[in-house]
Amino acid sequence: MAIQPEPPGQEAPADRTTRRGGWRFGVWLAALVVGTGGLAASAAGVSAQLLPRTFTPAQQQQIMTWETAGRWRALPAGDIFPATVTYQLPAYAISSNSSQLALKAYRVGIARQSTCAAASDAAAAKVLSADRCAAELRATYTDETDSMLVTVGVAVMPGNNAAKSAAGALSAGQGLHPGVRTAAFRSTLAQAFSNRQRQLSWAVSSGPYLIMSTVGYVDGLPRVPVASNPYADQEMTSFATGVADAIGSPLGALPVSPKCPGAPGC
């Protein structure tokens, strides 16, 4: 029997199925592309909203304050108390009209971390306790001639205001101010360094830290009125304050202002 041809304008059933399936696939693919693009755009938008573009001034200050306050825990003891410290003796102390004299102090030893009460004399401990001192670090240095010793104490306070308040209280009045106890070390020049040898004492604040220093003679000479000897007085003052400043200034300095935490939009 002869096969009858399809009427004009009609397609075989198989051809209609194939074209209909291709059309559906094209629609589905287009929808997938559009949907994926929309999802990516939405994700990018959410990320941009979740990630901060920059820190506010208040946030920057908070981060810098936090970093400074934790520096005493983060830094090795040898970085807080360097092996060698340079300080200056004023020109007038040596009758010079040119310039001040640069001198060096050498670290004798670093004491173990202590409570503020144990590392300070009774009067200073009372002040530190009232201002909620958390801990105290100490180290002892000698001058280039090995004739003087200074113990520097770093009292960790809860904030800048507390450190300033304690410094003011420990600097009031005349005579030998209350402050850090001397730190002695066996088999060194400071093995006999004791509180009775303290000639002069200071206390200053540097950020949230109270920096205290006390100076005396290596030979065990008890306290004498060094003010009667202008040179000795100035030499001791420069030694004690210079070493304390060299330790306290970098410890309490604010770090570089933090920038935005990163992409996108930073």
C-alpha atoms as a PDB file:
ATOM      1  CA  MET A   1       0.000   0.000   0.000  1.00  0.00           C
ATOM      2  CA  ALA A   2       1.359   3.458  -0.818  1.00  0.00           C
ATOM      3  CA  ILE A   3       2.031   5.839   2.067  1.00  0.00           C
ATOM      4  CA  GLN A   4      -0.219   8.884   1.969  1.00  0.00           C
ATOM      5  CA  PRO A   5       1.592  12.202   2.302  1.00  0.00           C
ATOM      6  CA  GLU A   6       0.746  14.614   5.164  1.00  0.00           C
ATOM      7  CA  PRO A   7      -1.682  17.374   4.258  1.00  0.00           C
ATOM      8  CA  PRO A   8       0.052  20.674   3.494  1.00  0.00           C
ATOM      9  CA  GLY A   9       0.765  22.854   6.601  1.00  0.00           C
ATOM     10  CA  GLN A  10       0.913  19.915   9.072  1.00  0.00           C
ATOM     11  CA  GLU A  11       3.957  18.461  10.793  1.00  0.00           C
ATOM     12  CA  ALA A  12       4.585  14.978  11.935  1.00  0.00           C
ATOM     13  CA  PRO A  13       3.802  14.412  15.664  1.00  0.00           C
ATOM     14  CA  ALA A  14       7.462  13.700  16.448  1.00  0.00           C
ATOM     15  CA  ASP A  15       8.566  17.078  15.044  1.00  0.00           C
ATOM     16  CA  ARG A  16       6.030  19.032  17.114  1.00  0.00           C
ATOM     17  CA  THR A  17       7.229  17.327  20.312  1.00  0.00           C
ATOM     18  CA  THR A  18      10.864  18.164  19.598  1.00  0.00           C
ATOM     19  CA  ARG A  19      10.185  21.842  18.929  1.00  0.00           C
ATOM     20  CA  ARG A  20       7.944  22.210  21.964  1.00  0.00           C
ATOM     21  CA  GLY A  21      10.653  20.665  24.169  1.00  0.00           C
ATOM     22  CA  GLY A  22      13.315  22.973  22.743  1.00  0.00           C
ATOM     23  CA  TRP A  23      11.147  26.026  23.423  1.00  0.00           C
ATOM     24  CA  ARG A  24      10.580  24.998  27.024  1.00  0.00           C
ATOM     25  CA  PHE A  25      14.285  24.401  27.555  1.00  0.00           C
ATOM     26  CA  GLY A  26      15.110  27.845  26.184  1.00  0.00           C
ATOM     27  CA  VAL A  27      12.615  29.501  28.528  1.00  0.00           C
ATOM     28  CA  TRP A  28      13.998  27.547  31.497  1.00  0.00           C
ATOM     29  CA  LEU A  29      17.608  28.444  30.626  1.00  0.00           C
ATOM     30  CA  ALA A  30      16.765  32.131  30.305  1.00  0.00           C
ATOM     31  CA  ALA A  31      14.985  32.060  33.657  1.00  0.00           C
ATOM     32  CA  LEU A  32      17.990  30.336  35.256  1.00  0.00           C
ATOM     33  CA  VAL A  33      20.404  32.974  33.947  1.00  0.00           C
ATOM     34  CA  VAL A  34      18.217  35.824  35.137  1.00  0.00           C
ATOM     35  CA  GLY A  35      17.667  34.182  38.522  1.00  0.00           C
ATOM     36  CA  THR A  36      21.357  33.465  39.049  1.00  0.00           C
ATOM     37  CA  GLY A  37      22.263  37.028  38.169  1.00  0.00           C
ATOM     38  CA  GLY A  38      19.686  38.356  40.584  1.00  0.00           C
ATOM     39  CA  LEU A  39      20.942  36.082  43.348  1.00  0.00           C
ATOM     40  CA  ALA A  40      24.539  37.230  42.825  1.00  0.00           C
ATOM     41  CA  ALA A  41      23.471  40.876  42.861  1.00  0.00           C
ATOM     42  CA  SER A  42      21.494  40.318  46.051  1.00  0.00           C
ATOM     43  CA  ALA A  43      24.451  38.558  47.722  1.00  0.00           C
ATOM     44  CA  ALA A  44      26.766  41.400  46.760  1.00  0.00           C
ATOM     45  CA  GLY A  45      24.307  43.898  48.158  1.00  0.00           C
ATOM     46  CA  VAL A  46      24.024  42.030  51.457  1.00  0.00           C
ATOM     47  CA  SER A  47      27.827  41.757  51.721  1.00  0.00           C
ATOM     48  CA  ALA A  48      28.223  45.473  51.114  1.00  0.00           C
ATOM     49  CA  GLN A  49      25.733  46.158  53.883  1.00  0.00           C
ATOM     50  CA  LEU A  50      27.291  43.720  56.360  1.00  0.00           C
ATOM     51  CA  LEU A  51      30.931  44.763  55.875  1.00  0.00           C
ATOM     52  CA  PRO A  52      31.594  48.258  57.274  1.00  0.00           C
ATOM     53  CA  ARG A  53      33.118  50.697  54.804  1.00  0.00           C
ATOM     54  CA  THR A  54      35.142  52.506  57.471  1.00  0.00           C
ATOM     55  CA  PHE A  55      35.498  52.938  61.223  1.00  0.00           C
ATOM     56  CA  THR A  56      33.839  55.911  62.841  1.00  0.00           C
ATOM     57  CA  PRO A  57      36.088  58.253  64.882  1.00  0.00           C
ATOM     58  CA  ALA A  58      34.620  56.755  68.063  1.00  0.00           C
ATOM     59  CA  GLN A  59      35.408  53.233  66.865  1.00  0.00           C
ATOM     60  CA  GLN A  60      38.945  54.241  65.900  1.00  0.00           C
ATOM     61  CA  GLN A  61      39.542  55.720  69.346  1.00  0.00           C
ATOM     62  CA  GLN A  62      38.104  52.642  71.023  1.00  0.00           C
ATOM     63  CA  ILE A  63      40.343  50.291  69.022  1.00  0.00           C
ATOM     64  CA  MET A  64      43.482  52.361  69.708  1.00  0.00           C
ATOM     65  CA  THR A  65      42.679  52.587  73.426  1.00  0.00           C
ATOM     66  CA  TRP A  66      42.087  48.843  73.598  1.00  0.00           C
ATOM     67  CA  GLU A  67      45.380  48.088  71.843  1.00  0.00           C
ATOM     68  CA  THR A  68      47.344  50.416  74.124  1.00  0.00           C
ATOM     69  CA  ALA A  69      45.768  48.977  77.264  1.00  0.00           C
ATOM     70  CA  GLY A  70      46.719  45.436  76.257  1.00  0.00           C
ATOM     71  CA  ARG A  71      50.274  46.234  75.235  1.00  0.00           C
ATOM     72  CA  TRP A  72      51.763  45.245  78.589  1.00  0.00           C
ATOM     73  CA  ARG A  73      50.465  41.691  78.053  1.00  0.00           C
ATOM     74  CA  ALA A  74      51.306  41.464  74.350  1.00  0.00           C
ATOM     75  CA  LEU A  75      54.926  42.695  74.482  1.00  0.00           C
ATOM     76  CA  PRO A  76      57.822  40.559  75.806  1.00  0.00           C
ATOM     77  CA  ALA A  77      59.376  41.894  79.002  1.00  0.00           C
ATOM     78  CA  GLY A  78      62.577  42.638  77.105  1.00  0.00           C
ATOM     79  CA  ASP A  79      60.684  44.962  74.770  1.00  0.00           C
ATOM     80  CA  ILE A  80      59.015  46.843  77.614  1.00  0.00           C
ATOM     81  CA  PHE A  81      62.357  47.132  79.437  1.00  0.00           C
ATOM     82  CA  PRO A  82      65.062  47.334  76.731  1.00  0.00           C
ATOM     83  CA  ALA A  83      68.606  46.269  77.530  1.00  0.00           C
ATOM     84  CA  THR A  84      69.985  49.769  76.856  1.00  0.00           C
ATOM     85  CA  VAL A  85      68.300  53.145  77.315  1.00  0.00           C
ATOM     86  CA  THR A  86      69.590  56.555  76.234  1.00  0.00           C
ATOM     87  CA  TYR A  87      68.847  59.657  78.289  1.00  0.00           C
ATOM     88  CA  GLN A  88      70.055  63.255  78.336  1.00  0.00           C
ATOM     89  CA  LEU A  89      71.963  65.258  80.934  1.00  0.00           C
ATOM     90  CA  PRO A  90      71.202  69.003  80.533  1.00  0.00           C
ATOM     91  CA  ALA A  91      74.033  71.231  79.364  1.00  0.00           C
ATOM     92  CA  TYR A  92      73.826  73.495  82.424  1.00  0.00           C
ATOM     93  CA  ALA A  93      74.489  70.487  84.702  1.00  0.00           C
ATOM     94  CA  ILE A  94      77.941  70.135  83.201  1.00  0.00           C
ATOM     95  CA  SER A  95      78.540  73.871  82.739  1.00  0.00           C
ATOM     96  CA  SER A  96      78.332  73.563  78.985  1.00  0.00           C
ATOM     97  CA  ASN A  97      77.000  76.226  76.655  1.00  0.00           C
ATOM     98  CA  SER A  98      76.840  73.881  73.682  1.00  0.00           C
ATOM     99  CA  SER A  99      74.449  70.957  74.076  1.00  0.00           C
ATOM    100  CA  GLN A 100      73.171  68.366  76.482  1.00  0.00           C
ATOM    101  CA  LEU A 101      75.112  65.192  77.081  1.00  0.00           C
ATOM    102  CA  ALA A 102      73.713  61.862  75.849  1.00  0.00           C
ATOM    103  CA  LEU A 103      74.223  59.056  78.363  1.00  0.00           C
ATOM    104  CA  LYS A 104      73.271  55.397  78.483  1.00  0.00           C
ATOM    105  CA  ALA A 105      71.681  53.236  81.142  1.00  0.00           C
ATOM    106  CA  TYR A 106      72.034  49.467  81.197  1.00  0.00           C
ATOM    107  CA  ARG A 107      69.445  46.994  82.423  1.00  0.00           C
ATOM    108  CA  VAL A 108      70.503  44.960  85.430  1.00  0.00           C
ATOM    109  CA  GLY A 109      67.437  42.745  85.676  1.00  0.00           C
ATOM    110  CA  ILE A 110      63.682  42.415  85.240  1.00  0.00           C
ATOM    111  CA  ALA A 111      61.557  41.420  88.214  1.00  0.00           C
ATOM    112  CA  ARG A 112      58.604  39.066  87.991  1.00  0.00           C
ATOM    113  CA  GLN A 113      55.156  40.542  87.556  1.00  0.00           C
ATOM    114  CA  SER A 114      53.754  41.530  90.925  1.00  0.00           C
ATOM    115  CA  THR A 115      50.712  42.985  92.570  1.00  0.00           C
ATOM    116  CA  CYS A 116      50.726  46.744  92.946  1.00  0.00           C
ATOM    117  CA  ALA A 117      50.696  46.450  96.733  1.00  0.00           C
ATOM    118  CA  ALA A 118      53.772  44.195  96.819  1.00  0.00           C
ATOM    119  CA  ALA A 119      55.806  46.282  94.348  1.00  0.00           C
ATOM    120  CA  SER A 120      55.055  49.687  95.923  1.00  0.00           C
ATOM    121  CA  ASP A 121      55.595  51.149  99.347  1.00  0.00           C
ATOM    122  CA  ALA A 122      52.628  51.403 101.710  1.00  0.00           C
ATOM    123  CA  ALA A 123      51.624  54.979 100.852  1.00  0.00           C
ATOM    124  CA  ALA A 124      51.795  54.349  97.108  1.00  0.00           C
ATOM    125  CA  ALA A 125      49.997  51.015  97.410  1.00  0.00           C
ATOM    126  CA  LYS A 126      47.076  52.780  99.061  1.00  0.00           C
ATOM    127  CA  VAL A 127      46.760  55.184  96.125  1.00  0.00           C
ATOM    128  CA  LEU A 128      47.107  52.430  93.531  1.00  0.00           C
ATOM    129  CA  SER A 129      44.558  50.261  95.265  1.00  0.00           C
ATOM    130  CA  ALA A 130      42.036  53.116  95.277  1.00  0.00           C
ATOM    131  CA  ASP A 131      42.572  53.599  91.545  1.00  0.00           C
ATOM    132  CA  ARG A 132      42.204  49.847  90.859  1.00  0.00           C
ATOM    133  CA  CYS A 133      45.747  49.043  89.743  1.00  0.00           C
ATOM    134  CA  ALA A 134      45.799  45.607  88.059  1.00  0.00           C
ATOM    135  CA  ALA A 135      49.495  44.667  88.136  1.00  0.00           C
ATOM    136  CA  GLU A 136      52.980  46.113  88.331  1.00  0.00           C
ATOM    137  CA  LEU A 137      56.115  45.416  86.300  1.00  0.00           C
ATOM    138  CA  ARG A 138      59.611  46.425  87.447  1.00  0.00           C
ATOM    139  CA  ALA A 139      63.175  46.543  86.173  1.00  0.00           C
ATOM    140  CA  THR A 140      66.407  47.995  87.527  1.00  0.00           C
ATOM    141  CA  TYR A 141      69.053  49.888  85.516  1.00  0.00           C
ATOM    142  CA  THR A 142      72.539  51.223  86.240  1.00  0.00           C
ATOM    143  CA  ASP A 143      74.239  54.268  84.753  1.00  0.00           C
ATOM    144  CA  GLU A 144      77.427  54.203  82.644  1.00  0.00           C
ATOM    145  CA  THR A 145      79.667  54.734  85.656  1.00  0.00           C
ATOM    146  CA  ASP A 146      78.010  51.942  87.681  1.00  0.00           C
ATOM    147  CA  SER A 147      77.538  54.391  90.533  1.00  0.00           C
ATOM    148  CA  MET A 148      73.738  54.795  90.469  1.00  0.00           C
ATOM    149  CA  LEU A 149      70.746  52.481  90.223  1.00  0.00           C
ATOM    150  CA  VAL A 150      67.170  53.191  89.263  1.00  0.00           C
ATOM    151  CA  THR A 151      64.148  50.914  89.553  1.00  0.00           C
ATOM    152  CA  VAL A 152      61.343  51.704  87.124  1.00  0.00           C
ATOM    153  CA  GLY A 153      57.854  50.433  87.873  1.00  0.00           C
ATOM    154  CA  VAL A 154      54.964  50.203  85.408  1.00  0.00           C
ATOM    155  CA  ALA A 155      51.611  50.100  87.179  1.00  0.00           C
ATOM    156  CA  VAL A 156      48.748  48.953  84.954  1.00  0.00           C
ATOM    157  CA  MET A 157      45.751  51.216  85.570  1.00  0.00           C
ATOM    158  CA  PRO A 158      42.168  50.845  84.270  1.00  0.00           C
ATOM    159  CA  GLY A 159      42.422  53.948  82.091  1.00  0.00           C
ATOM    160  CA  ASN A 160      44.144  57.248  81.337  1.00  0.00           C
ATOM    161  CA  ASN A 161      42.262  59.214  83.992  1.00  0.00           C
ATOM    162  CA  ALA A 162      43.112  56.718  86.711  1.00  0.00           C
ATOM    163  CA  ALA A 163      46.797  56.849  85.755  1.00  0.00           C
ATOM    164  CA  LYS A 164      46.806  60.663  85.804  1.00  0.00           C
ATOM    165  CA  SER A 165      45.030  60.737  89.155  1.00  0.00           C
ATOM    166  CA  ALA A 166      47.558  58.364  90.730  1.00  0.00           C
ATOM    167  CA  ALA A 167      50.508  60.304  89.277  1.00  0.00           C
ATOM    168  CA  GLY A 168      49.187  63.524  90.779  1.00  0.00           C
ATOM    169  CA  ALA A 169      48.657  61.945  94.182  1.00  0.00           C
ATOM    170  CA  LEU A 170      52.161  60.452  94.255  1.00  0.00           C
ATOM    171  CA  SER A 171      53.830  63.702  93.189  1.00  0.00           C
ATOM    172  CA  ALA A 172      52.278  65.982  95.786  1.00  0.00           C
ATOM    173  CA  GLY A 173      54.275  67.536  98.607  1.00  0.00           C
ATOM    174  CA  GLN A 174      57.993  67.803  99.259  1.00  0.00           C
ATOM    175  CA  GLY A 175      60.707  65.291 100.011  1.00  0.00           C
ATOM    176  CA  LEU A 176      60.899  61.677  98.928  1.00  0.00           C
ATOM    177  CA  HIS A 177      57.585  60.814  97.337  1.00  0.00           C
ATOM    178  CA  PRO A 178      55.938  57.436  97.822  1.00  0.00           C
ATOM    179  CA  GLY A 179      56.328  55.089  94.877  1.00  0.00           C
ATOM    180  CA  VAL A 180      57.864  51.909  93.542  1.00  0.00           C
ATOM    181  CA  ARG A 181      59.952  49.623  95.739  1.00  0.00           C
ATOM    182  CA  THR A 182      63.515  48.927  94.653  1.00  0.00           C
ATOM    183  CA  ALA A 183      64.135  45.659  92.810  1.00  0.00           C
ATOM    184  CA  ALA A 184      67.382  43.886  93.746  1.00  0.00           C
ATOM    185  CA  PHE A 185      69.050  41.073  91.773  1.00  0.00           C
ATOM    186  CA  ARG A 186      71.556  38.539  93.054  1.00  0.00           C
ATOM    187  CA  SER A 187      75.136  38.587  91.783  1.00  0.00           C
ATOM    188  CA  THR A 188      74.694  42.032  90.212  1.00  0.00           C
ATOM    189  CA  LEU A 189      75.436  45.638  91.110  1.00  0.00           C
ATOM    190  CA  ALA A 190      71.875  45.798  92.443  1.00  0.00           C
ATOM    191  CA  GLN A 191      72.106  42.846  94.815  1.00  0.00           C
ATOM    192  CA  ALA A 192      71.948  45.149  97.849  1.00  0.00           C
ATOM    193  CA  PHE A 193      69.645  47.812  96.380  1.00  0.00           C
ATOM    194  CA  SER A 194      67.024  48.492  99.053  1.00  0.00           C
ATOM    195  CA  ASN A 195      64.357  51.034  99.882  1.00  0.00           C
ATOM    196  CA  ARG A 196      66.594  52.764 102.427  1.00  0.00           C
ATOM    197  CA  GLN A 197      68.890  53.788  99.545  1.00  0.00           C
ATOM    198  CA  ARG A 198      66.173  55.665  97.667  1.00  0.00           C
ATOM    199  CA  GLN A 199      67.265  59.253  97.161  1.00  0.00           C
ATOM    200  CA  LEU A 200      64.594  60.588  94.792  1.00  0.00           C
ATOM    201  CA  SER A 201      61.315  59.281  93.376  1.00  0.00           C
ATOM    202  CA  TRP A 202      58.967  60.284  90.524  1.00  0.00           C
ATOM    203  CA  ALA A 203      55.620  59.272  89.127  1.00  0.00           C
ATOM    204  CA  VAL A 204      54.144  60.214  85.743  1.00  0.00           C
ATOM    205  CA  SER A 205      51.360  58.805  83.603  1.00  0.00           C
ATOM    206  CA  SER A 206      51.601  57.530  80.042  1.00  0.00           C
ATOM    207  CA  GLY A 207      48.239  56.486  78.663  1.00  0.00           C
ATOM    208  CA  PRO A 208      46.718  53.920  81.035  1.00  0.00           C
ATOM    209  CA  TYR A 209      50.078  53.293  82.729  1.00  0.00           C
ATOM    210  CA  LEU A 210      51.596  54.880  85.808  1.00  0.00           C
ATOM    211  CA  ILE A 211      55.378  55.041  85.396  1.00  0.00           C
ATOM    212  CA  MET A 212      57.257  55.278  88.691  1.00  0.00           C
ATOM    213  CA  SER A 213      61.002  55.469  89.241  1.00  0.00           C
ATOM    214  CA  THR A 214      63.262  55.644  92.258  1.00  0.00           C
ATOM    215  CA  VAL A 215      67.026  56.175  92.238  1.00  0.00           C
ATOM    216  CA  GLY A 216      69.887  55.571  94.660  1.00  0.00           C
ATOM    217  CA  TYR A 217      73.608  54.892  94.897  1.00  0.00           C
ATOM    218  CA  VAL A 218      75.163  51.506  94.155  1.00  0.00           C
ATOM    219  CA  ASP A 219      77.431  51.604  97.212  1.00  0.00           C
ATOM    220  CA  GLY A 220      74.514  51.375  99.614  1.00  0.00           C
ATOM    221  CA  LEU A 221      74.684  54.979 100.786  1.00  0.00           C
ATOM    222  CA  PRO A 222      71.451  55.759 102.633  1.00  0.00           C
ATOM    223  CA  ARG A 223      69.328  58.741 101.747  1.00  0.00           C
ATOM    224  CA  VAL A 224      71.180  62.068 101.921  1.00  0.00           C
ATOM    225  CA  PRO A 225      70.025  65.595 100.988  1.00  0.00           C
ATOM    226  CA  VAL A 226      71.243  65.461  97.390  1.00  0.00           C
ATOM    227  CA  ALA A 227      69.653  68.857  96.753  1.00  0.00           C
ATOM    228  CA  SER A 228      72.687  70.348  98.519  1.00  0.00           C
ATOM    229  CA  ASN A 229      74.788  69.018  95.643  1.00  0.00           C
ATOM    230  CA  PRO A 230      73.339  70.547  92.427  1.00  0.00           C
ATOM    231  CA  TYR A 231      75.271  68.269  90.090  1.00  0.00           C
ATOM    232  CA  ALA A 232      74.371  65.056  91.938  1.00  0.00           C
ATOM    233  CA  ASP A 233      70.773  66.182  92.134  1.00  0.00           C
ATOM    234  CA  GLN A 234      70.585  66.914  88.407  1.00  0.00           C
ATOM    235  CA  GLU A 235      72.424  63.754  87.458  1.00  0.00           C
ATOM    236  CA  MET A 236      70.057  61.606  89.499  1.00  0.00           C
ATOM    237  CA  THR A 237      67.024  63.451  88.210  1.00  0.00           C
ATOM    238  CA  SER A 238      68.096  63.032  84.596  1.00  0.00           C
ATOM    239  CA  PHE A 239      68.903  59.374  85.150  1.00  0.00           C
ATOM    240  CA  ALA A 240      65.620  58.482  86.828  1.00  0.00           C
ATOM    241  CA  THR A 241      63.305  60.567  84.659  1.00  0.00           C
ATOM    242  CA  GLY A 242      65.160  59.776  81.426  1.00  0.00           C
ATOM    243  CA  VAL A 243      64.970  56.007  81.893  1.00  0.00           C
ATOM    244  CA  ALA A 244      61.342  56.201  83.025  1.00  0.00           C
ATOM    245  CA  ASP A 245      60.391  58.287  79.991  1.00  0.00           C
ATOM    246  CA  ALA A 246      62.222  55.973  77.582  1.00  0.00           C
ATOM    247  CA  ILE A 247      60.174  53.062  78.925  1.00  0.00           C
ATOM    248  CA  GLY A 248      56.837  54.765  79.509  1.00  0.00           C
ATOM    249  CA  SER A 249      56.482  56.825  76.324  1.00  0.00           C
ATOM    250  CA  PRO A 250      56.395  53.946  73.807  1.00  0.00           C
ATOM    251  CA  LEU A 251      54.341  51.786  76.154  1.00  0.00           C
ATOM    252  CA  GLY A 252      51.557  54.328  76.549  1.00  0.00           C
ATOM    253  CA  ALA A 253      51.648  55.842  73.048  1.00  0.00           C
ATOM    254  CA  LEU A 254      48.553  55.436  70.891  1.00  0.00           C
ATOM    255  CA  PRO A 255      49.021  53.214  67.820  1.00  0.00           C
ATOM    256  CA  VAL A 256      48.380  54.294  64.240  1.00  0.00           C
ATOM    257  CA  SER A 257      44.707  55.043  63.631  1.00  0.00           C
ATOM    258  CA  PRO A 258      43.029  51.897  62.221  1.00  0.00           C
ATOM    259  CA  LYS A 259      41.581  51.985  58.705  1.00  0.00           C
ATOM    260  CA  CYS A 260      38.488  50.269  57.336  1.00  0.00           C
ATOM    261  CA  PRO A 261      38.558  46.468  57.694  1.00  0.00           C
ATOM    262  CA  GLY A 262      38.614  45.720  53.966  1.00  0.00           C
ATOM    263  CA  ALA A 263      36.586  44.980  50.835  1.00  0.00           C
ATOM    264  CA  PRO A 264      34.171  45.743  49.410  1.00  0.00           C
ATOM    265  CA  GLY A 265      33.771  49.493  49.311  1.00  0.00           C
ATOM    266  CA  CYS A 266      36.732  50.161  51.574  1.00  0.00           C
END
